[in-house]
Amino acid sequence: MSKKEVSTNGTVVTGTLFLNSNSFCVLFDSGVTHSFMSTRYVIQLNLENWMSETKNRIKLPNDSITECPIFYKLVPITISGVAFCGDLIQFDLSDLNII
């Protein structure tokens, strides 16, 4: 989903999330079962401490399936000043940083 598609969809919201003191454009969708982070930003943040290998197979909207072998567990995330940990799957997102 692109930022343009988000603006026309009433079921999702975009916002800003702070991760390791950096801000990211985030798509908040209460219907998703997993959270994803753009490969480009994972590299920028150097999240190796939380990395593990996995066999996540993700079905895309076009019905194709892609493997996402890298998973980041218990990454510290802050939303509106409240800190908690989240699990993120590395994925080649184009327009958003985190879903």
PDB file of N, CA and C in Angstrom:
ATOM      1  N   MET A   1       0.850  -1.176   0.000  1.00  0.00           N
ATOM      2  CA  MET A   1       0.000   0.000   0.000  1.00  0.00           C
ATOM      3  C   MET A   1       0.894   1.237   0.000  1.00  0.00           C
ATOM      4  N   SER A   2       0.538   2.193  -0.810  1.00  0.00           N
ATOM      5  CA  SER A   2       1.314   3.424  -0.895  1.00  0.00           C
ATOM      6  C   SER A   2       0.672   4.503  -0.023  1.00  0.00           C
ATOM      7  N   LYS A   3       1.392   5.603   0.185  1.00  0.00           N
ATOM      8  CA  LYS A   3       0.832   6.729   0.947  1.00  0.00           C
ATOM      9  C   LYS A   3      -0.426   7.265   0.278  1.00  0.00           C
ATOM     10  N   LYS A   4      -0.439   7.276  -1.052  1.00  0.00           N
ATOM     11  CA  LYS A   4      -1.608   7.766  -1.775  1.00  0.00           C
ATOM     12  C   LYS A   4      -2.820   6.869  -1.515  1.00  0.00           C
ATOM     13  N   GLU A   5      -2.624   5.554  -1.539  1.00  0.00           N
ATOM     14  CA  GLU A   5      -3.710   4.620  -1.264  1.00  0.00           C
ATOM     15  C   GLU A   5      -4.225   4.759   0.165  1.00  0.00           C
ATOM     16  N   VAL A   6      -3.333   5.055   1.103  1.00  0.00           N
ATOM     17  CA  VAL A   6      -3.720   5.235   2.497  1.00  0.00           C
ATOM     18  C   VAL A   6      -4.696   6.401   2.635  1.00  0.00           C
ATOM     19  N   SER A   7      -4.439   7.483   1.904  1.00  0.00           N
ATOM     20  CA  SER A   7      -5.289   8.663   2.032  1.00  0.00           C
ATOM     21  C   SER A   7      -6.719   8.413   1.570  1.00  0.00           C
ATOM     22  N   THR A   8      -6.942   7.382   0.763  1.00  0.00           N
ATOM     23  CA  THR A   8      -8.285   7.078   0.276  1.00  0.00           C
ATOM     24  C   THR A   8      -8.908   5.888   0.992  1.00  0.00           C
ATOM     25  N   ASN A   9      -8.193   5.297   1.940  1.00  0.00           N
ATOM     26  CA  ASN A   9      -8.678   4.124   2.657  1.00  0.00           C
ATOM     27  C   ASN A   9      -9.067   4.539   4.067  1.00  0.00           C
ATOM     28  N   GLY A  10     -10.317   4.321   4.456  1.00  0.00           N
ATOM     29  CA  GLY A  10     -10.791   4.744   5.771  1.00  0.00           C
ATOM     30  C   GLY A  10     -10.483   3.792   6.906  1.00  0.00           C
ATOM     31  N   THR A  11      -9.822   2.658   6.626  1.00  0.00           N
ATOM     32  CA  THR A  11      -9.591   1.670   7.683  1.00  0.00           C
ATOM     33  C   THR A  11      -8.162   1.671   8.222  1.00  0.00           C
ATOM     34  N   VAL A  12      -7.284   2.478   7.655  1.00  0.00           N
ATOM     35  CA  VAL A  12      -5.898   2.540   8.119  1.00  0.00           C
ATOM     36  C   VAL A  12      -5.499   3.993   8.362  1.00  0.00           C
ATOM     37  N   VAL A  13      -4.442   4.175   9.129  1.00  0.00           N
ATOM     38  CA  VAL A  13      -3.968   5.512   9.485  1.00  0.00           C
ATOM     39  C   VAL A  13      -2.456   5.545   9.349  1.00  0.00           C
ATOM     40  N   THR A  14      -1.908   6.646   8.872  1.00  0.00           N
ATOM     41  CA  THR A  14      -0.459   6.814   8.875  1.00  0.00           C
ATOM     42  C   THR A  14      -0.072   7.731  10.021  1.00  0.00           C
ATOM     43  N   GLY A  15       1.157   7.587  10.452  1.00  0.00           N
ATOM     44  CA  GLY A  15       1.654   8.417  11.533  1.00  0.00           C
ATOM     45  C   GLY A  15       3.154   8.304  11.614  1.00  0.00           C
ATOM     46  N   THR A  16       3.699   8.812  12.697  1.00  0.00           N
ATOM     47  CA  THR A  16       5.136   8.788  12.916  1.00  0.00           C
ATOM     48  C   THR A  16       5.429   7.945  14.144  1.00  0.00           C
ATOM     49  N   LEU A  17       6.417   7.085  14.033  1.00  0.00           N
ATOM     50  CA  LEU A  17       6.846   6.228  15.124  1.00  0.00           C
ATOM     51  C   LEU A  17       8.318   6.489  15.360  1.00  0.00           C
ATOM     52  N   PHE A  18       8.741   6.465  16.622  1.00  0.00           N
ATOM     53  CA  PHE A  18      10.147   6.678  16.951  1.00  0.00           C
ATOM     54  C   PHE A  18      10.776   5.364  17.360  1.00  0.00           C
ATOM     55  N   LEU A  19      11.853   5.007  16.669  1.00  0.00           N
ATOM     56  CA  LEU A  19      12.555   3.763  16.909  1.00  0.00           C
ATOM     57  C   LEU A  19      14.030   4.095  17.011  1.00  0.00           C
ATOM     58  N   ASN A  20      14.627   3.764  18.124  1.00  0.00           N
ATOM     59  CA  ASN A  20      16.043   4.100  18.356  1.00  0.00           C
ATOM     60  C   ASN A  20      16.308   5.586  18.079  1.00  0.00           C
ATOM     61  N   SER A  21      15.416   6.452  18.520  1.00  0.00           N
ATOM     62  CA  SER A  21      15.518   7.913  18.393  1.00  0.00           C
ATOM     63  C   SER A  21      15.422   8.415  16.951  1.00  0.00           C
ATOM     64  N   ASN A  22      14.943   7.614  16.028  1.00  0.00           N
ATOM     65  CA  ASN A  22      14.727   8.030  14.649  1.00  0.00           C
ATOM     66  C   ASN A  22      13.232   7.979  14.357  1.00  0.00           C
ATOM     67  N   SER A  23      12.732   8.900  13.546  1.00  0.00           N
ATOM     68  CA  SER A  23      11.313   8.893  13.209  1.00  0.00           C
ATOM     69  C   SER A  23      11.080   8.199  11.872  1.00  0.00           C
ATOM     70  N   PHE A  24       9.940   7.502  11.767  1.00  0.00           N
ATOM     71  CA  PHE A  24       9.598   6.733  10.587  1.00  0.00           C
ATOM     72  C   PHE A  24       8.138   6.931  10.228  1.00  0.00           C
ATOM     73  N   CYS A  25       7.851   6.898   8.931  1.00  0.00           N
ATOM     74  CA  CYS A  25       6.473   6.941   8.438  1.00  0.00           C
ATOM     75  C   CYS A  25       5.882   5.540   8.604  1.00  0.00           C
ATOM     76  N   VAL A  26       4.778   5.455   9.335  1.00  0.00           N
ATOM     77  CA  VAL A  26       4.204   4.172   9.698  1.00  0.00           C
ATOM     78  C   VAL A  26       2.767   4.069   9.221  1.00  0.00           C
ATOM     79  N   LEU A  27       2.394   2.884   8.768  1.00  0.00           N
ATOM     80  CA  LEU A  27       1.014   2.575   8.445  1.00  0.00           C
ATOM     81  C   LEU A  27       0.468   1.763   9.613  1.00  0.00           C
ATOM     82  N   PHE A  28      -0.549   2.293  10.287  1.00  0.00           N
ATOM     83  CA  PHE A  28      -1.201   1.574  11.374  1.00  0.00           C
ATOM     84  C   PHE A  28      -2.445   0.900  10.810  1.00  0.00           C
ATOM     85  N   ASP A  29      -2.488  -0.415  10.905  1.00  0.00           N
ATOM     86  CA  ASP A  29      -3.614  -1.189  10.404  1.00  0.00           C
ATOM     87  C   ASP A  29      -3.925  -2.265  11.436  1.00  0.00           C
ATOM     88  N   SER A  30      -5.050  -2.121  12.126  1.00  0.00           N
ATOM     89  CA  SER A  30      -5.380  -3.058  13.198  1.00  0.00           C
ATOM     90  C   SER A  30      -5.711  -4.452  12.667  1.00  0.00           C
ATOM     91  N   GLY A  31      -5.864  -4.600  11.356  1.00  0.00           N
ATOM     92  CA  GLY A  31      -6.204  -5.891  10.784  1.00  0.00           C
ATOM     93  C   GLY A  31      -5.015  -6.749  10.400  1.00  0.00           C
ATOM     94  N   VAL A  32      -3.797  -6.232  10.515  1.00  0.00           N
ATOM     95  CA  VAL A  32      -2.630  -7.021  10.106  1.00  0.00           C
ATOM     96  C   VAL A  32      -2.243  -8.024  11.185  1.00  0.00           C
ATOM     97  N   THR A  33      -1.643  -9.124  10.760  1.00  0.00           N
ATOM     98  CA  THR A  33      -1.201 -10.150  11.704  1.00  0.00           C
ATOM     99  C   THR A  33       0.284 -10.051  12.010  1.00  0.00           C
ATOM    100  N   HIS A  34       1.037  -9.315  11.178  1.00  0.00           N
ATOM    101  CA  HIS A  34       2.476  -9.151  11.381  1.00  0.00           C
ATOM    102  C   HIS A  34       2.847  -7.697  11.141  1.00  0.00           C
ATOM    103  N   SER A  35       3.994  -7.313  11.676  1.00  0.00           N
ATOM    104  CA  SER A  35       4.512  -5.966  11.453  1.00  0.00           C
ATOM    105  C   SER A  35       5.770  -6.062  10.605  1.00  0.00           C
ATOM    106  N   PHE A  36       5.936  -5.108   9.691  1.00  0.00           N
ATOM    107  CA  PHE A  36       7.041  -5.127   8.740  1.00  0.00           C
ATOM    108  C   PHE A  36       7.829  -3.834   8.814  1.00  0.00           C
ATOM    109  N   MET A  37       9.130  -3.933   8.496  1.00  0.00           N
ATOM    110  CA  MET A  37       9.980  -2.755   8.428  1.00  0.00           C
ATOM    111  C   MET A  37      10.779  -2.796   7.137  1.00  0.00           C
ATOM    112  N   SER A  38      10.881  -1.656   6.488  1.00  0.00           N
ATOM    113  CA  SER A  38      11.610  -1.524   5.239  1.00  0.00           C
ATOM    114  C   SER A  38      13.065  -1.953   5.403  1.00  0.00           C
ATOM    115  N   THR A  39      13.544  -2.741   4.461  1.00  0.00           N
ATOM    116  CA  THR A  39      14.927  -3.210   4.470  1.00  0.00           C
ATOM    117  C   THR A  39      15.899  -2.038   4.568  1.00  0.00           C
ATOM    118  N   ARG A  40      15.613  -0.970   3.834  1.00  0.00           N
ATOM    119  CA  ARG A  40      16.506   0.195   3.829  1.00  0.00           C
ATOM    120  C   ARG A  40      16.680   0.777   5.231  1.00  0.00           C
ATOM    121  N   TYR A  41      15.600   0.834   6.003  1.00  0.00           N
ATOM    122  CA  TYR A  41      15.692   1.424   7.332  1.00  0.00           C
ATOM    123  C   TYR A  41      16.251   0.457   8.364  1.00  0.00           C
ATOM    124  N   VAL A  42      16.052  -0.836   8.163  1.00  0.00           N
ATOM    125  CA  VAL A  42      16.679  -1.819   9.047  1.00  0.00           C
ATOM    126  C   VAL A  42      18.189  -1.674   8.955  1.00  0.00           C
ATOM    127  N   ILE A  43      18.687  -1.550   7.734  1.00  0.00           N
ATOM    128  CA  ILE A  43      20.130  -1.388   7.527  1.00  0.00           C
ATOM    129  C   ILE A  43      20.618  -0.091   8.169  1.00  0.00           C
ATOM    130  N   GLN A  44      19.851   0.976   8.002  1.00  0.00           N
ATOM    131  CA  GLN A  44      20.213   2.276   8.577  1.00  0.00           C
ATOM    132  C   GLN A  44      20.305   2.207  10.100  1.00  0.00           C
ATOM    133  N   LEU A  45      19.407   1.459  10.739  1.00  0.00           N
ATOM    134  CA  LEU A  45      19.376   1.379  12.194  1.00  0.00           C
ATOM    135  C   LEU A  45      20.325   0.344  12.784  1.00  0.00           C
ATOM    136  N   ASN A  46      20.866  -0.537  11.926  1.00  0.00           N
ATOM    137  CA  ASN A  46      21.774  -1.576  12.403  1.00  0.00           C
ATOM    138  C   ASN A  46      21.142  -2.376  13.545  1.00  0.00           C
ATOM    139  N   LEU A  47      20.035  -3.052  13.260  1.00  0.00           N
ATOM    140  CA  LEU A  47      19.283  -3.793  14.271  1.00  0.00           C
ATOM    141  C   LEU A  47      19.777  -5.222  14.476  1.00  0.00           C
ATOM    142  N   GLU A  48      21.024  -5.500  14.229  1.00  0.00           N
ATOM    143  CA  GLU A  48      21.551  -6.862  14.315  1.00  0.00           C
ATOM    144  C   GLU A  48      21.310  -7.511  15.663  1.00  0.00           C
ATOM    145  N   ASN A  49      21.292  -6.760  16.746  1.00  0.00           N
ATOM    146  CA  ASN A  49      21.116  -7.325  18.086  1.00  0.00           C
ATOM    147  C   ASN A  49      19.794  -8.070  18.237  1.00  0.00           C
ATOM    148  N   TRP A  50      18.801  -7.729  17.429  1.00  0.00           N
ATOM    149  CA  TRP A  50      17.476  -8.324  17.550  1.00  0.00           C
ATOM    150  C   TRP A  50      17.180  -9.308  16.420  1.00  0.00           C
ATOM    151  N   MET A  51      18.122  -9.537  15.517  1.00  0.00           N
ATOM    152  CA  MET A  51      17.877 -10.329  14.316  1.00  0.00           C
ATOM    153  C   MET A  51      17.862 -11.830  14.601  1.00  0.00           C
ATOM    154  N   SER A  52      16.954 -12.524  13.933  1.00  0.00           N
ATOM    155  CA  SER A  52      16.950 -13.976  13.950  1.00  0.00           C
ATOM    156  C   SER A  52      16.487 -14.477  12.591  1.00  0.00           C
ATOM    157  N   GLU A  53      16.849 -15.692  12.268  1.00  0.00           N
ATOM    158  CA  GLU A  53      16.428 -16.300  11.004  1.00  0.00           C
ATOM    159  C   GLU A  53      15.028 -16.884  11.195  1.00  0.00           C
ATOM    160  N   THR A  54      14.213 -16.812  10.157  1.00  0.00           N
ATOM    161  CA  THR A  54      12.858 -17.343  10.226  1.00  0.00           C
ATOM    162  C   THR A  54      12.437 -17.828   8.847  1.00  0.00           C
ATOM    163  N   LYS A  55      11.321 -18.477   8.766  1.00  0.00           N
ATOM    164  CA  LYS A  55      10.809 -18.966   7.487  1.00  0.00           C
ATOM    165  C   LYS A  55       9.457 -18.317   7.193  1.00  0.00           C
ATOM    166  N   ASN A  56       9.309 -17.026   7.479  1.00  0.00           N
ATOM    167  CA  ASN A  56       8.041 -16.342   7.207  1.00  0.00           C
ATOM    168  C   ASN A  56       7.755 -16.338   5.719  1.00  0.00           C
ATOM    169  N   ARG A  57       6.602 -16.849   5.365  1.00  0.00           N
ATOM    170  CA  ARG A  57       6.122 -16.801   3.982  1.00  0.00           C
ATOM    171  C   ARG A  57       4.907 -15.888   3.999  1.00  0.00           C
ATOM    172  N   ILE A  58       4.972 -14.807   3.226  1.00  0.00           N
ATOM    173  CA  ILE A  58       3.948 -13.773   3.230  1.00  0.00           C
ATOM    174  C   ILE A  58       3.193 -13.794   1.908  1.00  0.00           C
ATOM    175  N   LYS A  59       1.859 -13.830   2.004  1.00  0.00           N
ATOM    176  CA  LYS A  59       1.021 -13.769   0.808  1.00  0.00           C
ATOM    177  C   LYS A  59       0.717 -12.305   0.512  1.00  0.00           C
ATOM    178  N   LEU A  60       1.052 -11.872  -0.684  1.00  0.00           N
ATOM    179  CA  LEU A  60       0.870 -10.491  -1.110  1.00  0.00           C
ATOM    180  C   LEU A  60      -0.525 -10.292  -1.713  1.00  0.00           C
ATOM    181  N   PRO A  61      -0.978  -9.046  -1.831  1.00  0.00           N
ATOM    182  CA  PRO A  61      -2.303  -8.782  -2.394  1.00  0.00           C
ATOM    183  C   PRO A  61      -2.525  -9.369  -3.791  1.00  0.00           C
ATOM    184  N   ASN A  62      -1.461  -9.566  -4.564  1.00  0.00           N
ATOM    185  CA  ASN A  62      -1.602 -10.147  -5.905  1.00  0.00           C
ATOM    186  C   ASN A  62      -1.584 -11.681  -5.875  1.00  0.00           C
ATOM    187  N   ASP A  63      -1.709 -12.255  -4.676  1.00  0.00           N
ATOM    188  CA  ASP A  63      -1.739 -13.702  -4.419  1.00  0.00           C
ATOM    189  C   ASP A  63      -0.397 -14.403  -4.573  1.00  0.00           C
ATOM    190  N   SER A  64       0.681 -13.673  -4.867  1.00  0.00           N
ATOM    191  CA  SER A  64       1.998 -14.307  -4.890  1.00  0.00           C
ATOM    192  C   SER A  64       2.498 -14.454  -3.449  1.00  0.00           C
ATOM    193  N   ILE A  65       3.442 -15.343  -3.263  1.00  0.00           N
ATOM    194  CA  ILE A  65       4.002 -15.580  -1.929  1.00  0.00           C
ATOM    195  C   ILE A  65       5.479 -15.250  -1.966  1.00  0.00           C
ATOM    196  N   THR A  66       5.933 -14.527  -0.956  1.00  0.00           N
ATOM    197  CA  THR A  66       7.347 -14.172  -0.854  1.00  0.00           C
ATOM    198  C   THR A  66       7.867 -14.620   0.506  1.00  0.00           C
ATOM    199  N   GLU A  67       9.135 -14.984   0.557  1.00  0.00           N
ATOM    200  CA  GLU A  67       9.746 -15.370   1.820  1.00  0.00           C
ATOM    201  C   GLU A  67      10.453 -14.168   2.428  1.00  0.00           C
ATOM    202  N   CYS A  68      10.287 -14.028   3.715  1.00  0.00           N
ATOM    203  CA  CYS A  68      10.948 -12.969   4.475  1.00  0.00           C
ATOM    204  C   CYS A  68      11.791 -13.656   5.550  1.00  0.00           C
ATOM    205  N   PRO A  69      13.064 -13.905   5.264  1.00  0.00           N
ATOM    206  CA  PRO A  69      13.871 -14.735   6.163  1.00  0.00           C
ATOM    207  C   PRO A  69      14.439 -14.026   7.395  1.00  0.00           C
ATOM    208  N   ILE A  70      14.285 -12.712   7.489  1.00  0.00           N
ATOM    209  CA  ILE A  70      14.889 -11.988   8.615  1.00  0.00           C
ATOM    210  C   ILE A  70      13.795 -11.358   9.471  1.00  0.00           C
ATOM    211  N   PHE A  71      13.902 -11.586  10.773  1.00  0.00           N
ATOM    212  CA  PHE A  71      12.903 -11.181  11.751  1.00  0.00           C
ATOM    213  C   PHE A  71      13.628 -10.489  12.903  1.00  0.00           C
ATOM    214  N   TYR A  72      13.075  -9.412  13.402  1.00  0.00           N
ATOM    215  CA  TYR A  72      13.676  -8.680  14.526  1.00  0.00           C
ATOM    216  C   TYR A  72      12.721  -8.766  15.703  1.00  0.00           C
ATOM    217  N   LYS A  73      13.177  -9.379  16.783  1.00  0.00           N
ATOM    218  CA  LYS A  73      12.332  -9.651  17.941  1.00  0.00           C
ATOM    219  C   LYS A  73      12.589  -8.645  19.054  1.00  0.00           C
ATOM    220  N   LEU A  74      11.498  -8.182  19.651  1.00  0.00           N
ATOM    221  CA  LEU A  74      11.541  -7.299  20.820  1.00  0.00           C
ATOM    222  C   LEU A  74      12.332  -6.010  20.579  1.00  0.00           C
ATOM    223  N   VAL A  75      12.092  -5.379  19.440  1.00  0.00           N
ATOM    224  CA  VAL A  75      12.739  -4.109  19.108  1.00  0.00           C
ATOM    225  C   VAL A  75      12.070  -3.000  19.919  1.00  0.00           C
ATOM    226  N   PRO A  76      12.844  -2.157  20.618  1.00  0.00           N
ATOM    227  CA  PRO A  76      12.245  -1.078  21.404  1.00  0.00           C
ATOM    228  C   PRO A  76      11.596  -0.019  20.509  1.00  0.00           C
ATOM    229  N   ILE A  77      10.318   0.282  20.791  1.00  0.00           N
ATOM    230  CA  ILE A  77       9.533   1.234  20.006  1.00  0.00           C
ATOM    231  C   ILE A  77       8.860   2.207  20.970  1.00  0.00           C
ATOM    232  N   THR A  78       8.791   3.489  20.586  1.00  0.00           N
ATOM    233  CA  THR A  78       8.120   4.483  21.399  1.00  0.00           C
ATOM    234  C   THR A  78       7.019   5.150  20.578  1.00  0.00           C
ATOM    235  N   ILE A  79       5.795   5.138  21.110  1.00  0.00           N
ATOM    236  CA  ILE A  79       4.658   5.809  20.474  1.00  0.00           C
ATOM    237  C   ILE A  79       4.054   6.752  21.505  1.00  0.00           C
ATOM    238  N   SER A  80       3.999   8.036  21.161  1.00  0.00           N
ATOM    239  CA  SER A  80       3.457   9.072  22.058  1.00  0.00           C
ATOM    240  C   SER A  80       4.093   9.012  23.441  1.00  0.00           C
ATOM    241  N   GLY A  81       5.395   8.790  23.485  1.00  0.00           N
ATOM    242  CA  GLY A  81       6.126   8.784  24.745  1.00  0.00           C
ATOM    243  C   GLY A  81       6.031   7.481  25.525  1.00  0.00           C
ATOM    244  N   VAL A  82       5.281   6.504  25.029  1.00  0.00           N
ATOM    245  CA  VAL A  82       5.146   5.215  25.701  1.00  0.00           C
ATOM    246  C   VAL A  82       6.049   4.202  24.999  1.00  0.00           C
ATOM    247  N   ALA A  83       6.937   3.580  25.756  1.00  0.00           N
ATOM    248  CA  ALA A  83       7.899   2.628  25.187  1.00  0.00           C
ATOM    249  C   ALA A  83       7.403   1.201  25.372  1.00  0.00           C
ATOM    250  N   PHE A  84       7.557   0.399  24.339  1.00  0.00           N
ATOM    251  CA  PHE A  84       7.270  -1.025  24.401  1.00  0.00           C
ATOM    252  C   PHE A  84       8.108  -1.716  23.341  1.00  0.00           C
ATOM    253  N   CYS A  85       8.033  -3.035  23.260  1.00  0.00           N
ATOM    254  CA  CYS A  85       8.816  -3.789  22.285  1.00  0.00           C
ATOM    255  C   CYS A  85       7.901  -4.350  21.203  1.00  0.00           C
ATOM    256  N   GLY A  86       8.411  -4.401  19.981  1.00  0.00           N
ATOM    257  CA  GLY A  86       7.646  -4.944  18.862  1.00  0.00           C
ATOM    258  C   GLY A  86       8.491  -5.895  18.042  1.00  0.00           C
ATOM    259  N   ASP A  87       7.826  -6.816  17.380  1.00  0.00           N
ATOM    260  CA  ASP A  87       8.494  -7.760  16.486  1.00  0.00           C
ATOM    261  C   ASP A  87       8.298  -7.283  15.052  1.00  0.00           C
ATOM    262  N   LEU A  88       9.368  -7.189  14.282  1.00  0.00           N
ATOM    263  CA  LEU A  88       9.326  -6.659  12.920  1.00  0.00           C
ATOM    264  C   LEU A  88       9.938  -7.638  11.930  1.00  0.00           C
ATOM    265  N   ILE A  89       9.252  -7.839  10.814  1.00  0.00           N
ATOM    266  CA  ILE A  89       9.757  -8.669   9.730  1.00  0.00           C
ATOM    267  C   ILE A  89      10.356  -7.739   8.680  1.00  0.00           C
ATOM    268  N   GLN A  90      11.576  -8.031   8.266  1.00  0.00           N
ATOM    269  CA  GLN A  90      12.226  -7.212   7.230  1.00  0.00           C
ATOM    270  C   GLN A  90      11.573  -7.486   5.881  1.00  0.00           C
ATOM    271  N   PHE A  91      11.181  -6.412   5.174  1.00  0.00           N
ATOM    272  CA  PHE A  91      10.470  -6.535   3.906  1.00  0.00           C
ATOM    273  C   PHE A  91      10.827  -5.339   3.038  1.00  0.00           C
ATOM    274  N   ASP A  92      10.875  -5.510   1.730  1.00  0.00           N
ATOM    275  CA  ASP A  92      11.236  -4.421   0.832  1.00  0.00           C
ATOM    276  C   ASP A  92      10.030  -3.513   0.585  1.00  0.00           C
ATOM    277  N   LEU A  93       9.723  -2.672   1.562  1.00  0.00           N
ATOM    278  CA  LEU A  93       8.641  -1.694   1.412  1.00  0.00           C
ATOM    279  C   LEU A  93       9.129  -0.546   0.565  1.00  0.00           C
ATOM    280  N   SER A  94       8.251   0.054  -0.217  1.00  0.00           N
ATOM    281  CA  SER A  94       8.685   1.143  -1.095  1.00  0.00           C
ATOM    282  C   SER A  94       8.322   2.521  -0.569  1.00  0.00           C
ATOM    283  N   ASP A  95       7.087   2.719  -0.139  1.00  0.00           N
ATOM    284  CA  ASP A  95       6.609   4.061   0.179  1.00  0.00           C
ATOM    285  C   ASP A  95       6.484   4.329   1.674  1.00  0.00           C
ATOM    286  N   LEU A  96       6.406   3.273   2.462  1.00  0.00           N
ATOM    287  CA  LEU A  96       6.264   3.399   3.916  1.00  0.00           C
ATOM    288  C   LEU A  96       7.485   2.769   4.573  1.00  0.00           C
ATOM    289  N   ASN A  97       7.768   3.160   5.804  1.00  0.00           N
ATOM    290  CA  ASN A  97       8.915   2.611   6.509  1.00  0.00           C
ATOM    291  C   ASN A  97       8.542   1.394   7.360  1.00  0.00           C
ATOM    292  N   ILE A  98       7.363   1.464   7.983  1.00  0.00           N
ATOM    293  CA  ILE A  98       6.928   0.386   8.881  1.00  0.00           C
ATOM    294  C   ILE A  98       5.425   0.180   8.689  1.00  0.00           C
ATOM    295  N   ILE A  99       5.012  -1.073   8.709  1.00  0.00           N
ATOM    296  CA  ILE A  99       3.580  -1.414   8.716  1.00  0.00           C
ATOM    297  C   ILE A  99       3.345  -2.258   9.948  1.00  0.00           C
TER     298      ILE A  99
END
